[in-house]
Amino acid sequence: RILPKSVRVALAAVALTGLAQGVQAQELRIWTFLDLNGQSGREV
């Protein structure tokens, strides 16, 4: 309530960015020759 609206918007944007980074930090990227949707025994 004390902060001006423009500052509150900026802080909200920072918070959303931090949340997005948090989600990104929980994603693991893997390079492999297997296809997760493939039907070979190794892929299953």
ModelCIF file with pLDDT and N, C-alpha, C, O atoms, coordinates in Angstrom:
data_MODEL
#
_entry.id   MODEL 
#
_entity.id                         1 
_entity.type                       polymer 
_entity.pdbx_number_of_molecules   1 
#
_entity_poly.entity_id                      1 
_entity_poly.type                           'polypeptide(L)' 
_entity_poly.nstd_linkage                   no 
_entity_poly.nstd_monomer                   no 
_entity_poly.pdbx_seq_one_letter_code       RILPKSVRVALAAVALTGLAQGVQAQELRIWTFLDLNGQSGREV 
_entity_poly.pdbx_seq_one_letter_code_can   RILPKSVRVALAAVALTGLAQGVQAQELRIWTFLDLNGQSGREV 
_entity_poly.pdbx_strand_id                 A 
#
loop_
_entity_poly_seq.entity_id 
_entity_poly_seq.num 
_entity_poly_seq.mon_id 
_entity_poly_seq.hetero 
1 1  ARG n 
1 2  ILE n 
1 3  LEU n 
1 4  PRO n 
1 5  LYS n 
1 6  SER n 
1 7  VAL n 
1 8  ARG n 
1 9  VAL n 
1 10 ALA n 
1 11 LEU n 
1 12 ALA n 
1 13 ALA n 
1 14 VAL n 
1 15 ALA n 
1 16 LEU n 
1 17 THR n 
1 18 GLY n 
1 19 LEU n 
1 20 ALA n 
1 21 GLN n 
1 22 GLY n 
1 23 VAL n 
1 24 GLN n 
1 25 ALA n 
1 26 GLN n 
1 27 GLU n 
1 28 LEU n 
1 29 ARG n 
1 30 ILE n 
1 31 TRP n 
1 32 THR n 
1 33 PHE n 
1 34 LEU n 
1 35 ASP n 
1 36 LEU n 
1 37 ASN n 
1 38 GLY n 
1 39 GLN n 
1 40 SER n 
1 41 GLY n 
1 42 ARG n 
1 43 GLU n 
1 44 VAL n 
#
_struct_asym.id          A 
_struct_asym.entity_id   1 
#
loop_
_ma_qa_metric.id 
_ma_qa_metric.mode 
_ma_qa_metric.name 
_ma_qa_metric.software_group_id 
_ma_qa_metric.type 
1 global pLDDT . pLDDT 
2 local  pLDDT . pLDDT 
#
_ma_qa_metric_global.metric_id      1 
_ma_qa_metric_global.metric_value   63.70 
_ma_qa_metric_global.model_id       1 
_ma_qa_metric_global.ordinal_id     1 
#
loop_
_ma_qa_metric_local.label_asym_id 
_ma_qa_metric_local.label_comp_id 
_ma_qa_metric_local.label_seq_id 
_ma_qa_metric_local.metric_id 
_ma_qa_metric_local.metric_value 
_ma_qa_metric_local.model_id 
_ma_qa_metric_local.ordinal_id 
A ARG 1  2 41.00 1 1  
A ILE 2  2 38.00 1 2  
A LEU 3  2 41.00 1 3  
A PRO 4  2 43.00 1 4  
A LYS 5  2 45.00 1 5  
A SER 6  2 41.00 1 6  
A VAL 7  2 36.00 1 7  
A ARG 8  2 42.00 1 8  
A VAL 9  2 39.00 1 9  
A ALA 10 2 37.00 1 10 
A LEU 11 2 35.00 1 11 
A ALA 12 2 42.00 1 12 
A ALA 13 2 40.00 1 13 
A VAL 14 2 37.00 1 14 
A ALA 15 2 40.00 1 15 
A LEU 16 2 40.00 1 16 
A THR 17 2 40.00 1 17 
A GLY 18 2 40.00 1 18 
A LEU 19 2 40.00 1 19 
A ALA 20 2 40.00 1 20 
A GLN 21 2 43.00 1 21 
A GLY 22 2 42.00 1 22 
A VAL 23 2 41.00 1 23 
A GLN 24 2 46.00 1 24 
A ALA 25 2 47.00 1 25 
A GLN 26 2 88.00 1 26 
A GLU 27 2 96.00 1 27 
A LEU 28 2 97.00 1 28 
A ARG 29 2 98.00 1 29 
A ILE 30 2 98.00 1 30 
A TRP 31 2 98.00 1 31 
A THR 32 2 97.00 1 32 
A PHE 33 2 95.00 1 33 
A LEU 34 2 96.00 1 34 
A ASP 35 2 95.00 1 35 
A LEU 36 2 93.00 1 36 
A ASN 37 2 92.00 1 37 
A GLY 38 2 93.00 1 38 
A GLN 39 2 90.00 1 39 
A SER 40 2 88.00 1 40 
A GLY 41 2 90.00 1 41 
A ARG 42 2 92.00 1 42 
A GLU 43 2 95.00 1 43 
A VAL 44 2 96.00 1 44 
#
loop_
_atom_site.group_PDB 
_atom_site.id 
_atom_site.type_symbol 
_atom_site.label_atom_id 
_atom_site.label_alt_id 
_atom_site.label_comp_id 
_atom_site.label_asym_id 
_atom_site.label_entity_id 
_atom_site.label_seq_id 
_atom_site.pdbx_PDB_ins_code 
_atom_site.Cartn_x 
_atom_site.Cartn_y 
_atom_site.Cartn_z 
_atom_site.occupancy 
_atom_site.B_iso_or_equiv 
_atom_site.pdbx_formal_charge 
_atom_site.auth_seq_id 
_atom_site.auth_comp_id 
_atom_site.auth_asym_id 
_atom_site.auth_atom_id 
_atom_site.pdbx_PDB_model_num 
ATOM 1   N N  . ARG A 1 1  ? 0.811  -1.213  0.000   1.00 41.00 ? 1  ARG A N  1 
ATOM 2   C CA . ARG A 1 1  ? 0.000  0.000   0.000   1.00 41.00 ? 1  ARG A CA 1 
ATOM 3   C C  . ARG A 1 1  ? 0.853  1.275   0.000   1.00 41.00 ? 1  ARG A C  1 
ATOM 4   O O  . ARG A 1 1  ? 0.443  2.313   -0.519  1.00 41.00 ? 1  ARG A O  1 
ATOM 5   N N  . ILE A 1 2  ? 2.049  1.170   0.595   1.00 38.00 ? 2  ILE A N  1 
ATOM 6   C CA . ILE A 1 2  ? 2.910  2.347   0.691   1.00 38.00 ? 2  ILE A CA 1 
ATOM 7   C C  . ILE A 1 2  ? 3.603  2.632   -0.636  1.00 38.00 ? 2  ILE A C  1 
ATOM 8   O O  . ILE A 1 2  ? 3.714  3.788   -1.045  1.00 38.00 ? 2  ILE A O  1 
ATOM 9   N N  . LEU A 1 3  ? 4.081  1.557   -1.326  1.00 41.00 ? 3  LEU A N  1 
ATOM 10  C CA . LEU A 1 3  ? 4.853  1.754   -2.540  1.00 41.00 ? 3  LEU A CA 1 
ATOM 11  C C  . LEU A 1 3  ? 3.977  2.249   -3.684  1.00 41.00 ? 3  LEU A C  1 
ATOM 12  O O  . LEU A 1 3  ? 2.797  1.909   -3.758  1.00 41.00 ? 3  LEU A O  1 
ATOM 13  N N  . PRO A 1 4  ? 4.549  3.047   -4.571  1.00 43.00 ? 4  PRO A N  1 
ATOM 14  C CA . PRO A 1 4  ? 3.824  3.489   -5.760  1.00 43.00 ? 4  PRO A CA 1 
ATOM 15  C C  . PRO A 1 4  ? 3.491  2.297   -6.648  1.00 43.00 ? 4  PRO A C  1 
ATOM 16  O O  . PRO A 1 4  ? 4.150  1.258   -6.597  1.00 43.00 ? 4  PRO A O  1 
ATOM 17  N N  . LYS A 1 5  ? 2.451  2.472   -7.466  1.00 45.00 ? 5  LYS A N  1 
ATOM 18  C CA . LYS A 1 5  ? 1.986  1.381   -8.326  1.00 45.00 ? 5  LYS A CA 1 
ATOM 19  C C  . LYS A 1 5  ? 3.095  0.924   -9.266  1.00 45.00 ? 5  LYS A C  1 
ATOM 20  O O  . LYS A 1 5  ? 3.262  -0.279  -9.466  1.00 45.00 ? 5  LYS A O  1 
ATOM 21  N N  . SER A 1 6  ? 3.855  1.843   -9.847  1.00 41.00 ? 6  SER A N  1 
ATOM 22  C CA . SER A 1 6  ? 4.906  1.479   -10.807 1.00 41.00 ? 6  SER A CA 1 
ATOM 23  C C  . SER A 1 6  ? 5.961  0.576   -10.169 1.00 41.00 ? 6  SER A C  1 
ATOM 24  O O  . SER A 1 6  ? 6.466  -0.356  -10.796 1.00 41.00 ? 6  SER A O  1 
ATOM 25  N N  . VAL A 1 7  ? 6.284  0.873   -8.903  1.00 36.00 ? 7  VAL A N  1 
ATOM 26  C CA . VAL A 1 7  ? 7.278  0.051   -8.202  1.00 36.00 ? 7  VAL A CA 1 
ATOM 27  C C  . VAL A 1 7  ? 6.708  -1.330  -7.901  1.00 36.00 ? 7  VAL A C  1 
ATOM 28  O O  . VAL A 1 7  ? 7.390  -2.347  -8.024  1.00 36.00 ? 7  VAL A O  1 
ATOM 29  N N  . ARG A 1 8  ? 5.419  -1.337  -7.499  1.00 42.00 ? 8  ARG A N  1 
ATOM 30  C CA . ARG A 1 8  ? 4.780  -2.633  -7.211  1.00 42.00 ? 8  ARG A CA 1 
ATOM 31  C C  . ARG A 1 8  ? 4.769  -3.511  -8.454  1.00 42.00 ? 8  ARG A C  1 
ATOM 32  O O  . ARG A 1 8  ? 4.982  -4.720  -8.357  1.00 42.00 ? 8  ARG A O  1 
ATOM 33  N N  . VAL A 1 9  ? 4.523  -2.921  -9.624  1.00 39.00 ? 9  VAL A N  1 
ATOM 34  C CA . VAL A 1 9  ? 4.519  -3.684  -10.883 1.00 39.00 ? 9  VAL A CA 1 
ATOM 35  C C  . VAL A 1 9  ? 5.906  -4.245  -11.160 1.00 39.00 ? 9  VAL A C  1 
ATOM 36  O O  . VAL A 1 9  ? 6.045  -5.399  -11.567 1.00 39.00 ? 9  VAL A O  1 
ATOM 37  N N  . ALA A 1 10 ? 6.937  -3.423  -10.939 1.00 37.00 ? 10 ALA A N  1 
ATOM 38  C CA . ALA A 1 10 ? 8.314  -3.869  -11.184 1.00 37.00 ? 10 ALA A CA 1 
ATOM 39  C C  . ALA A 1 10 ? 8.692  -5.018  -10.269 1.00 37.00 ? 10 ALA A C  1 
ATOM 40  O O  . ALA A 1 10 ? 9.322  -5.984  -10.700 1.00 37.00 ? 10 ALA A O  1 
ATOM 41  N N  . LEU A 1 11 ? 8.303  -4.912  -8.996  1.00 35.00 ? 11 LEU A N  1 
ATOM 42  C CA . LEU A 1 11 ? 8.600  -5.990  -8.047  1.00 35.00 ? 11 LEU A CA 1 
ATOM 43  C C  . LEU A 1 11 ? 7.873  -7.268  -8.428  1.00 35.00 ? 11 LEU A C  1 
ATOM 44  O O  . LEU A 1 11 ? 8.414  -8.364  -8.284  1.00 35.00 ? 11 LEU A O  1 
ATOM 45  N N  . ALA A 1 12 ? 6.644  -7.127  -8.914  1.00 42.00 ? 12 ALA A N  1 
ATOM 46  C CA . ALA A 1 12 ? 5.886  -8.302  -9.339  1.00 42.00 ? 12 ALA A CA 1 
ATOM 47  C C  . ALA A 1 12 ? 6.577  -8.998  -10.499 1.00 42.00 ? 12 ALA A C  1 
ATOM 48  O O  . ALA A 1 12 ? 6.632  -10.226 -10.563 1.00 42.00 ? 12 ALA A O  1 
ATOM 49  N N  . ALA A 1 13 ? 7.111  -8.180  -11.428 1.00 40.00 ? 13 ALA A N  1 
ATOM 50  C CA . ALA A 1 13 ? 7.819  -8.749  -12.572 1.00 40.00 ? 13 ALA A CA 1 
ATOM 51  C C  . ALA A 1 13 ? 9.056  -9.511  -12.122 1.00 40.00 ? 13 ALA A C  1 
ATOM 52  O O  . ALA A 1 13 ? 9.355  -10.592 -12.630 1.00 40.00 ? 13 ALA A O  1 
ATOM 53  N N  . VAL A 1 14 ? 9.778  -8.925  -11.150 1.00 37.00 ? 14 VAL A N  1 
ATOM 54  C CA . VAL A 1 14 ? 10.960 -9.605  -10.620 1.00 37.00 ? 14 VAL A CA 1 
ATOM 55  C C  . VAL A 1 14 ? 10.578 -10.925 -9.963  1.00 37.00 ? 14 VAL A C  1 
ATOM 56  O O  . VAL A 1 14 ? 11.260 -11.937 -10.125 1.00 37.00 ? 14 VAL A O  1 
ATOM 57  N N  . ALA A 1 15 ? 9.453  -10.897 -9.203  1.00 40.00 ? 15 ALA A N  1 
ATOM 58  C CA . ALA A 1 15 ? 8.989  -12.108 -8.539  1.00 40.00 ? 15 ALA A CA 1 
ATOM 59  C C  . ALA A 1 15 ? 8.632  -13.186 -9.545  1.00 40.00 ? 15 ALA A C  1 
ATOM 60  O O  . ALA A 1 15 ? 8.965  -14.356 -9.356  1.00 40.00 ? 15 ALA A O  1 
ATOM 61  N N  . LEU A 1 16 ? 7.944  -12.787 -10.626 1.00 40.00 ? 16 LEU A N  1 
ATOM 62  C CA . LEU A 1 16 ? 7.568  -13.755 -11.646 1.00 40.00 ? 16 LEU A CA 1 
ATOM 63  C C  . LEU A 1 16 ? 8.805  -14.322 -12.339 1.00 40.00 ? 16 LEU A C  1 
ATOM 64  O O  . LEU A 1 16 ? 8.859  -15.513 -12.645 1.00 40.00 ? 16 LEU A O  1 
ATOM 65  N N  . THR A 1 17 ? 9.800  -13.465 -12.585 1.00 40.00 ? 17 THR A N  1 
ATOM 66  C CA . THR A 1 17 ? 11.035 -13.934 -13.202 1.00 40.00 ? 17 THR A CA 1 
ATOM 67  C C  . THR A 1 17 ? 11.724 -14.950 -12.310 1.00 40.00 ? 17 THR A C  1 
ATOM 68  O O  . THR A 1 17 ? 12.208 -15.979 -12.782 1.00 40.00 ? 17 THR A O  1 
ATOM 69  N N  . GLY A 1 18 ? 11.765 -14.658 -11.025 1.00 40.00 ? 18 GLY A N  1 
ATOM 70  C CA . GLY A 1 18 ? 12.375 -15.590 -10.078 1.00 40.00 ? 18 GLY A CA 1 
ATOM 71  C C  . GLY A 1 18 ? 11.642 -16.911 -10.063 1.00 40.00 ? 18 GLY A C  1 
ATOM 72  O O  . GLY A 1 18 ? 12.264 -17.970 -9.976  1.00 40.00 ? 18 GLY A O  1 
ATOM 73  N N  . LEU A 1 19 ? 10.299 -16.859 -10.149 1.00 40.00 ? 19 LEU A N  1 
ATOM 74  C CA . LEU A 1 19 ? 9.515  -18.089 -10.161 1.00 40.00 ? 19 LEU A CA 1 
ATOM 75  C C  . LEU A 1 19 ? 9.826  -18.896 -11.413 1.00 40.00 ? 19 LEU A C  1 
ATOM 76  O O  . LEU A 1 19 ? 9.984  -20.116 -11.365 1.00 40.00 ? 19 LEU A O  1 
ATOM 77  N N  . ALA A 1 20 ? 9.909  -18.189 -12.530 1.00 40.00 ? 20 ALA A N  1 
ATOM 78  C CA . ALA A 1 20 ? 10.218 -18.887 -13.778 1.00 40.00 ? 20 ALA A CA 1 
ATOM 79  C C  . ALA A 1 20 ? 11.586 -19.545 -13.706 1.00 40.00 ? 20 ALA A C  1 
ATOM 80  O O  . ALA A 1 20 ? 11.775 -20.662 -14.185 1.00 40.00 ? 20 ALA A O  1 
ATOM 81  N N  . GLN A 1 21 ? 12.555 -18.831 -13.092 1.00 43.00 ? 21 GLN A N  1 
ATOM 82  C CA . GLN A 1 21 ? 13.875 -19.408 -12.957 1.00 43.00 ? 21 GLN A CA 1 
ATOM 83  C C  . GLN A 1 21 ? 13.860 -20.620 -12.042 1.00 43.00 ? 21 GLN A C  1 
ATOM 84  O O  . GLN A 1 21 ? 14.597 -21.585 -12.247 1.00 43.00 ? 21 GLN A O  1 
ATOM 85  N N  . GLY A 1 22 ? 13.006 -20.551 -11.029 1.00 42.00 ? 22 GLY A N  1 
ATOM 86  C CA . GLY A 1 22 ? 12.895 -21.689 -10.123 1.00 42.00 ? 22 GLY A CA 1 
ATOM 87  C C  . GLY A 1 22 ? 12.360 -22.911 -10.837 1.00 42.00 ? 22 GLY A C  1 
ATOM 88  O O  . GLY A 1 22 ? 12.831 -24.028 -10.622 1.00 42.00 ? 22 GLY A O  1 
ATOM 89  N N  . VAL A 1 23 ? 11.355 -22.688 -11.703 1.00 41.00 ? 23 VAL A N  1 
ATOM 90  C CA . VAL A 1 23 ? 10.807 -23.800 -12.471 1.00 41.00 ? 23 VAL A CA 1 
ATOM 91  C C  . VAL A 1 23 ? 11.864 -24.349 -13.416 1.00 41.00 ? 23 VAL A C  1 
ATOM 92  O O  . VAL A 1 23 ? 12.017 -25.562 -13.560 1.00 41.00 ? 23 VAL A O  1 
ATOM 93  N N  . GLN A 1 24 ? 12.601 -23.426 -14.069 1.00 46.00 ? 24 GLN A N  1 
ATOM 94  C CA . GLN A 1 24 ? 13.634 -23.852 -14.998 1.00 46.00 ? 24 GLN A CA 1 
ATOM 95  C C  . GLN A 1 24 ? 14.700 -24.674 -14.290 1.00 46.00 ? 24 GLN A C  1 
ATOM 96  O O  . GLN A 1 24 ? 15.224 -25.637 -14.850 1.00 46.00 ? 24 GLN A O  1 
ATOM 97  N N  . ALA A 1 25 ? 15.024 -24.288 -13.045 1.00 47.00 ? 25 ALA A N  1 
ATOM 98  C CA . ALA A 1 25 ? 16.053 -24.997 -12.287 1.00 47.00 ? 25 ALA A CA 1 
ATOM 99  C C  . ALA A 1 25 ? 15.634 -26.424 -11.970 1.00 47.00 ? 25 ALA A C  1 
ATOM 100 O O  . ALA A 1 25 ? 16.476 -27.264 -11.653 1.00 47.00 ? 25 ALA A O  1 
ATOM 101 N N  . GLN A 1 26 ? 14.331 -26.704 -12.052 1.00 88.00 ? 26 GLN A N  1 
ATOM 102 C CA . GLN A 1 26 ? 13.853 -28.041 -11.766 1.00 88.00 ? 26 GLN A CA 1 
ATOM 103 C C  . GLN A 1 26 ? 13.669 -28.872 -13.026 1.00 88.00 ? 26 GLN A C  1 
ATOM 104 O O  . GLN A 1 26 ? 13.118 -29.973 -12.977 1.00 88.00 ? 26 GLN A O  1 
ATOM 105 N N  . GLU A 1 27 ? 14.128 -28.346 -14.147 1.00 96.00 ? 27 GLU A N  1 
ATOM 106 C CA . GLU A 1 27 ? 14.088 -29.117 -15.396 1.00 96.00 ? 27 GLU A CA 1 
ATOM 107 C C  . GLU A 1 27 ? 15.459 -29.705 -15.660 1.00 96.00 ? 27 GLU A C  1 
ATOM 108 O O  . GLU A 1 27 ? 16.464 -28.995 -15.631 1.00 96.00 ? 27 GLU A O  1 
ATOM 109 N N  . LEU A 1 28 ? 15.496 -31.007 -15.918 1.00 97.00 ? 28 LEU A N  1 
ATOM 110 C CA . LEU A 1 28 ? 16.743 -31.665 -16.267 1.00 97.00 ? 28 LEU A CA 1 
ATOM 111 C C  . LEU A 1 28 ? 16.728 -31.971 -17.759 1.00 97.00 ? 28 LEU A C  1 
ATOM 112 O O  . LEU A 1 28 ? 15.813 -32.626 -18.257 1.00 97.00 ? 28 LEU A O  1 
ATOM 113 N N  . ARG A 1 29 ? 17.747 -31.493 -18.470 1.00 98.00 ? 29 ARG A N  1 
ATOM 114 C CA . ARG A 1 29 ? 17.875 -31.780 -19.890 1.00 98.00 ? 29 ARG A CA 1 
ATOM 115 C C  . ARG A 1 29 ? 18.833 -32.948 -20.086 1.00 98.00 ? 29 ARG A C  1 
ATOM 116 O O  . ARG A 1 29 ? 19.901 -33.008 -19.476 1.00 98.00 ? 29 ARG A O  1 
ATOM 117 N N  . ILE A 1 30 ? 18.429 -33.874 -20.949 1.00 98.00 ? 30 ILE A N  1 
ATOM 118 C CA . ILE A 1 30 ? 19.248 -35.054 -21.229 1.00 98.00 ? 30 ILE A CA 1 
ATOM 119 C C  . ILE A 1 30 ? 19.429 -35.190 -22.726 1.00 98.00 ? 30 ILE A C  1 
ATOM 120 O O  . ILE A 1 30 ? 18.462 -35.129 -23.485 1.00 98.00 ? 30 ILE A O  1 
ATOM 121 N N  . TRP A 1 31 ? 20.683 -35.375 -23.154 1.00 98.00 ? 31 TRP A N  1 
ATOM 122 C CA . TRP A 1 31 ? 20.966 -35.715 -24.542 1.00 98.00 ? 31 TRP A CA 1 
ATOM 123 C C  . TRP A 1 31 ? 21.254 -37.213 -24.619 1.00 98.00 ? 31 TRP A C  1 
ATOM 124 O O  . TRP A 1 31 ? 22.146 -37.721 -23.939 1.00 98.00 ? 31 TRP A O  1 
ATOM 125 N N  . THR A 1 32 ? 20.508 -37.893 -25.434 1.00 97.00 ? 32 THR A N  1 
ATOM 126 C CA . THR A 1 32 ? 20.656 -39.328 -25.628 1.00 97.00 ? 32 THR A CA 1 
ATOM 127 C C  . THR A 1 32 ? 20.213 -39.653 -27.038 1.00 97.00 ? 32 THR A C  1 
ATOM 128 O O  . THR A 1 32 ? 19.644 -38.803 -27.723 1.00 97.00 ? 32 THR A O  1 
ATOM 129 N N  . PHE A 1 33 ? 20.466 -40.870 -27.477 1.00 95.00 ? 33 PHE A N  1 
ATOM 130 C CA . PHE A 1 33 ? 19.951 -41.293 -28.785 1.00 95.00 ? 33 PHE A CA 1 
ATOM 131 C C  . PHE A 1 33 ? 18.599 -41.993 -28.642 1.00 95.00 ? 33 PHE A C  1 
ATOM 132 O O  . PHE A 1 33 ? 18.001 -42.394 -29.641 1.00 95.00 ? 33 PHE A O  1 
ATOM 133 N N  . LEU A 1 34 ? 18.115 -42.141 -27.407 1.00 96.00 ? 34 LEU A N  1 
ATOM 134 C CA . LEU A 1 34 ? 16.815 -42.765 -27.178 1.00 96.00 ? 34 LEU A CA 1 
ATOM 135 C C  . LEU A 1 34 ? 15.693 -41.738 -27.306 1.00 96.00 ? 34 LEU A C  1 
ATOM 136 O O  . LEU A 1 34 ? 15.848 -40.571 -26.947 1.00 96.00 ? 34 LEU A O  1 
ATOM 137 N N  . ASP A 1 35 ? 14.574 -42.200 -27.821 1.00 95.00 ? 35 ASP A N  1 
ATOM 138 C CA . ASP A 1 35 ? 13.382 -41.366 -27.939 1.00 95.00 ? 35 ASP A CA 1 
ATOM 139 C C  . ASP A 1 35 ? 12.408 -41.780 -26.840 1.00 95.00 ? 35 ASP A C  1 
ATOM 140 O O  . ASP A 1 35 ? 12.034 -42.949 -26.747 1.00 95.00 ? 35 ASP A O  1 
ATOM 141 N N  . LEU A 1 36 ? 12.006 -40.839 -26.022 1.00 93.00 ? 36 LEU A N  1 
ATOM 142 C CA . LEU A 1 36 ? 11.134 -41.164 -24.891 1.00 93.00 ? 36 LEU A CA 1 
ATOM 143 C C  . LEU A 1 36 ? 9.803  -41.745 -25.357 1.00 93.00 ? 36 LEU A C  1 
ATOM 144 O O  . LEU A 1 36 ? 9.134  -42.444 -24.596 1.00 93.00 ? 36 LEU A O  1 
ATOM 145 N N  . ASN A 1 37 ? 9.419  -41.468 -26.585 1.00 92.00 ? 37 ASN A N  1 
ATOM 146 C CA . ASN A 1 37 ? 8.171  -41.999 -27.132 1.00 92.00 ? 37 ASN A CA 1 
ATOM 147 C C  . ASN A 1 37 ? 8.401  -43.197 -28.046 1.00 92.00 ? 37 ASN A C  1 
ATOM 148 O O  . ASN A 1 37 ? 7.473  -43.678 -28.696 1.00 92.00 ? 37 ASN A O  1 
ATOM 149 N N  . GLY A 1 38 ? 9.649  -43.678 -28.093 1.00 93.00 ? 38 GLY A N  1 
ATOM 150 C CA . GLY A 1 38 ? 9.965  -44.824 -28.938 1.00 93.00 ? 38 GLY A CA 1 
ATOM 151 C C  . GLY A 1 38 ? 9.433  -46.128 -28.367 1.00 93.00 ? 38 GLY A C  1 
ATOM 152 O O  . GLY A 1 38 ? 9.008  -46.191 -27.214 1.00 93.00 ? 38 GLY A O  1 
ATOM 153 N N  . GLN A 1 39 ? 9.462  -47.157 -29.186 1.00 90.00 ? 39 GLN A N  1 
ATOM 154 C CA . GLN A 1 39 ? 8.874  -48.441 -28.790 1.00 90.00 ? 39 GLN A CA 1 
ATOM 155 C C  . GLN A 1 39 ? 9.903  -49.553 -28.606 1.00 90.00 ? 39 GLN A C  1 
ATOM 156 O O  . GLN A 1 39 ? 9.529  -50.687 -28.303 1.00 90.00 ? 39 GLN A O  1 
ATOM 157 N N  . SER A 1 40 ? 11.175 -49.257 -28.779 1.00 88.00 ? 40 SER A N  1 
ATOM 158 C CA . SER A 1 40 ? 12.175 -50.304 -28.541 1.00 88.00 ? 40 SER A CA 1 
ATOM 159 C C  . SER A 1 40 ? 12.237 -50.615 -27.050 1.00 88.00 ? 40 SER A C  1 
ATOM 160 O O  . SER A 1 40 ? 11.797 -49.819 -26.220 1.00 88.00 ? 40 SER A O  1 
ATOM 161 N N  . GLY A 1 41 ? 12.781 -51.767 -26.727 1.00 90.00 ? 41 GLY A N  1 
ATOM 162 C CA . GLY A 1 41 ? 12.855 -52.164 -25.324 1.00 90.00 ? 41 GLY A CA 1 
ATOM 163 C C  . GLY A 1 41 ? 13.617 -51.183 -24.469 1.00 90.00 ? 41 GLY A C  1 
ATOM 164 O O  . GLY A 1 41 ? 13.211 -50.895 -23.343 1.00 90.00 ? 41 GLY A O  1 
ATOM 165 N N  . ARG A 1 42 ? 14.720 -50.662 -24.984 1.00 92.00 ? 42 ARG A N  1 
ATOM 166 C CA . ARG A 1 42 ? 15.525 -49.697 -24.225 1.00 92.00 ? 42 ARG A CA 1 
ATOM 167 C C  . ARG A 1 42 ? 14.747 -48.402 -23.994 1.00 92.00 ? 42 ARG A C  1 
ATOM 168 O O  . ARG A 1 42 ? 14.837 -47.794 -22.927 1.00 92.00 ? 42 ARG A O  1 
ATOM 169 N N  . GLU A 1 43 ? 13.985 -47.990 -25.004 1.00 95.00 ? 43 GLU A N  1 
ATOM 170 C CA . GLU A 1 43 ? 13.215 -46.753 -24.870 1.00 95.00 ? 43 GLU A CA 1 
ATOM 171 C C  . GLU A 1 43 ? 12.067 -46.915 -23.889 1.00 95.00 ? 43 GLU A C  1 
ATOM 172 O O  . GLU A 1 43 ? 11.749 -45.989 -23.143 1.00 95.00 ? 43 GLU A O  1 
ATOM 173 N N  . VAL A 1 44 ? 11.445 -48.086 -23.886 1.00 96.00 ? 44 VAL A N  1 
ATOM 174 C CA . VAL A 1 44 ? 10.373 -48.351 -22.918 1.00 96.00 ? 44 VAL A CA 1 
ATOM 175 C C  . VAL A 1 44 ? 10.928 -48.344 -21.501 1.00 96.00 ? 44 VAL A C  1 
ATOM 176 O O  . VAL A 1 44 ? 10.181 -48.549 -20.544 1.00 96.00 ? 44 VAL A O  1 
#
